[in-house]
Amino acid sequence: MCSDWFSDEPPEDDSAPPNQQVANAERDALRRAQMVIRARERADFWRRQLAAERFDEFKPEMRRRIAVEQALLDGLEKTDTPSFVLMRTYLAQAVHKPSQPRTEAEEECDDLQERIGKATQRRKDLLGTLELTPQRQGWERKELVRKIASEEEYIRGLQAKVRALRA
């Protein structure tokens, strides 16, 4: 071991260039410029794909990708945020992940849609039972009509909740 191993003085090493910070700044500026060019190319690609797409089901994903590219461009051009921070955020958003954690509102909306579907099926079953019930069984028919009305009210309530979540 060296005698000055624990000393507070910086080591005398001539291998580092004196203007390392300037060289790092230039390299980072060049890297950012290249990232801007590539992000613009990707955004233009997704805009062309969006214009050419015939199916509406793919358009929201393409719009999302255009927005992600635009967010990266804004971060690179308008802020001094380090590029590795921007890229970490960009990579998390850029890839389409159907298994991404959903928000509470999306999960609740899907749950409500599922409940609406089940209630609609129950209503259809009750309507079918009502059609098969003979006319002379009035009390049974009244009970079925009451159940159908309550299912319809339940469905309307769920649909109102869905509209409120989406608004």
Protein backbone atom coordinates (compact mmCIF):
# COMPACT_ATOMS: atom_id res chain seq x y z
CA MET A 1 0.00 0.00 0.00
CA CYS A 2 0.95 3.50 -0.61
CA SER A 3 1.78 5.80 2.29
CA ASP A 4 -0.68 8.46 1.15
CA TRP A 5 -3.56 5.99 0.73
CA PHE A 6 -5.79 7.79 3.24
CA SER A 7 -4.65 11.33 2.59
CA ASP A 8 -7.12 14.09 1.74
CA GLU A 9 -5.01 15.43 -1.08
CA PRO A 10 -6.10 14.56 -4.60
CA PRO A 11 -3.80 12.13 -6.38
CA GLU A 12 -1.44 13.53 -8.93
CA ASP A 13 -2.65 11.80 -12.04
CA ASP A 14 -1.82 13.21 -15.45
CA SER A 15 -4.08 10.83 -17.35
CA ALA A 16 -7.25 12.99 -16.97
CA PRO A 17 -7.52 15.93 -19.38
CA PRO A 18 -7.77 19.35 -17.75
CA ASN A 19 -11.06 20.24 -19.46
CA GLN A 20 -13.00 17.07 -18.69
CA GLN A 21 -16.15 19.00 -17.80
CA VAL A 22 -16.11 20.81 -21.13
CA ALA A 23 -15.63 17.54 -23.00
CA ASN A 24 -18.50 15.94 -21.04
CA ALA A 25 -20.77 18.91 -21.77
CA GLU A 26 -19.97 18.73 -25.49
CA ARG A 27 -20.58 14.99 -25.56
CA ASP A 28 -23.88 15.40 -23.72
CA ALA A 29 -24.99 18.18 -26.10
CA LEU A 30 -24.17 15.97 -29.08
CA ARG A 31 -26.04 13.04 -27.53
CA ARG A 32 -29.09 15.24 -26.83
CA ALA A 33 -29.07 16.54 -30.41
CA GLN A 34 -29.00 12.97 -31.74
CA MET A 35 -31.81 11.99 -29.36
CA VAL A 36 -33.91 14.94 -30.60
CA ILE A 37 -33.41 13.87 -34.21
CA ARG A 38 -34.38 10.26 -33.47
CA ALA A 39 -37.41 11.33 -31.40
CA ARG A 40 -38.63 13.56 -34.24
CA GLU A 41 -38.19 10.69 -36.70
CA ARG A 42 -40.20 8.34 -34.46
CA ALA A 43 -42.94 10.94 -33.94
CA ASP A 44 -43.15 11.53 -37.69
CA PHE A 45 -43.33 7.77 -38.25
CA TRP A 46 -46.26 7.42 -35.83
CA ARG A 47 -48.02 10.41 -37.40
CA ARG A 48 -47.74 8.77 -40.84
CA GLN A 49 -48.99 5.47 -39.40
CA LEU A 50 -51.91 7.25 -37.74
CA ALA A 51 -52.86 8.96 -41.01
CA ALA A 52 -52.68 5.65 -42.90
CA GLU A 53 -54.51 3.55 -40.27
CA ARG A 54 -58.00 2.44 -41.28
CA PHE A 55 -59.03 0.77 -38.04
CA ASP A 56 -60.15 2.98 -35.16
CA GLU A 57 -59.04 0.48 -32.53
CA PHE A 58 -55.34 1.20 -33.18
CA LYS A 59 -55.56 4.99 -33.32
CA PRO A 60 -55.55 5.66 -29.55
CA GLU A 61 -52.31 3.70 -29.15
CA MET A 62 -50.69 5.65 -32.00
CA ARG A 63 -51.82 8.94 -30.47
CA ARG A 64 -50.35 7.82 -27.15
CA ARG A 65 -47.03 7.03 -28.80
CA ILE A 66 -46.97 10.42 -30.54
CA ALA A 67 -47.62 12.09 -27.18
CA VAL A 68 -44.79 10.12 -25.55
CA GLU A 69 -42.37 11.18 -28.29
CA GLN A 70 -43.52 14.80 -27.96
CA ALA A 71 -42.97 14.67 -24.19
CA LEU A 72 -39.42 13.42 -24.77
CA LEU A 73 -38.80 16.17 -27.34
CA ASP A 74 -40.08 18.83 -24.94
CA GLY A 75 -37.88 17.46 -22.18
CA LEU A 76 -34.81 17.43 -24.40
CA GLU A 77 -35.33 20.82 -26.02
CA LYS A 78 -36.89 22.93 -23.28
CA THR A 79 -35.36 21.65 -20.04
CA ASP A 80 -31.94 20.89 -18.65
CA THR A 81 -33.06 17.60 -17.16
CA PRO A 82 -30.31 14.97 -17.51
CA SER A 83 -30.90 12.74 -20.51
CA PHE A 84 -30.77 9.52 -18.49
CA VAL A 85 -33.74 10.73 -16.39
CA LEU A 86 -35.69 11.58 -19.54
CA MET A 87 -34.86 8.23 -21.09
CA ARG A 88 -35.89 6.30 -17.97
CA THR A 89 -39.29 8.01 -18.07
CA TYR A 90 -39.52 7.62 -21.84
CA LEU A 91 -38.74 3.90 -21.79
CA ALA A 92 -41.38 3.27 -19.14
CA GLN A 93 -44.02 5.01 -21.27
CA ALA A 94 -42.92 4.18 -24.81
CA VAL A 95 -43.57 0.47 -24.79
CA HIS A 96 -47.17 -0.65 -25.06
CA LYS A 97 -47.74 -2.84 -22.06
CA PRO A 98 -51.22 -4.27 -21.79
CA SER A 99 -50.22 -5.59 -18.39
CA GLN A 100 -49.49 -2.09 -17.10
CA PRO A 101 -51.16 -1.37 -13.78
CA ARG A 102 -54.49 0.25 -14.42
CA THR A 103 -55.81 3.22 -12.57
CA GLU A 104 -58.52 2.82 -9.97
CA ALA A 105 -61.01 4.61 -12.21
CA GLU A 106 -60.32 2.22 -15.11
CA GLU A 107 -60.66 -0.82 -12.87
CA GLU A 108 -63.87 0.51 -11.34
CA CYS A 109 -65.26 1.31 -14.79
CA ASP A 110 -64.47 -2.22 -16.00
CA ASP A 111 -66.09 -3.66 -12.87
CA LEU A 112 -69.21 -1.58 -13.47
CA GLN A 113 -69.34 -2.67 -17.13
CA GLU A 114 -69.13 -6.29 -16.04
CA ARG A 115 -71.91 -5.79 -13.51
CA ILE A 116 -74.06 -4.09 -16.17
CA GLY A 117 -73.54 -7.07 -18.47
CA LYS A 118 -74.57 -9.53 -15.77
CA ALA A 119 -77.62 -7.47 -14.80
CA THR A 120 -78.65 -7.20 -18.45
CA GLN A 121 -78.40 -10.98 -18.79
CA ARG A 122 -80.52 -11.46 -15.66
CA ARG A 123 -83.13 -9.05 -17.07
CA LYS A 124 -83.20 -10.99 -20.35
CA ASP A 125 -83.64 -14.25 -18.44
CA LEU A 126 -86.51 -12.72 -16.44
CA LEU A 127 -88.17 -11.44 -19.63
CA GLY A 128 -87.90 -14.93 -21.12
CA THR A 129 -89.44 -16.42 -17.98
CA LEU A 130 -92.22 -13.81 -18.13
CA GLU A 131 -93.06 -14.79 -21.70
CA LEU A 132 -93.26 -18.46 -20.69
CA THR A 133 -95.43 -17.83 -17.63
CA PRO A 134 -99.11 -18.52 -18.32
CA GLN A 135 -101.52 -15.60 -18.01
CA ARG A 136 -103.55 -17.21 -15.22
CA GLN A 137 -100.62 -17.09 -12.77
CA GLY A 138 -100.99 -13.37 -12.04
CA TRP A 139 -99.06 -13.26 -8.79
CA GLU A 140 -96.02 -14.91 -10.43
CA ARG A 141 -96.19 -12.51 -13.39
CA LYS A 142 -96.40 -9.51 -11.02
CA GLU A 143 -93.33 -10.75 -9.16
CA LEU A 144 -91.41 -11.18 -12.44
CA VAL A 145 -92.41 -7.68 -13.62
CA ARG A 146 -91.27 -6.25 -10.27
CA LYS A 147 -87.89 -8.05 -10.57
CA ILE A 148 -87.47 -6.84 -14.17
CA ALA A 149 -88.17 -3.25 -13.08
CA SER A 150 -85.65 -3.49 -10.24
CA GLU A 151 -83.00 -4.90 -12.63
CA GLU A 152 -83.64 -2.05 -15.07
CA GLU A 153 -83.30 0.49 -12.26
CA TYR A 154 -80.07 -1.20 -11.12
CA ILE A 155 -78.70 -1.09 -14.68
CA ARG A 156 -79.56 2.62 -15.03
CA GLY A 157 -77.78 3.35 -11.74
CA LEU A 158 -74.65 1.51 -12.89
CA GLN A 159 -74.69 3.29 -16.24
CA ALA A 160 -74.90 6.63 -14.44
CA LYS A 161 -71.84 5.69 -12.37
CA VAL A 162 -69.94 4.72 -15.55
CA ARG A 163 -70.80 8.07 -17.16
CA ALA A 164 -69.66 9.89 -14.03
CA LEU A 165 -66.33 8.04 -14.03
CA ARG A 166 -65.68 8.76 -17.69
CA ALA A 167 -66.53 12.47 -17.37
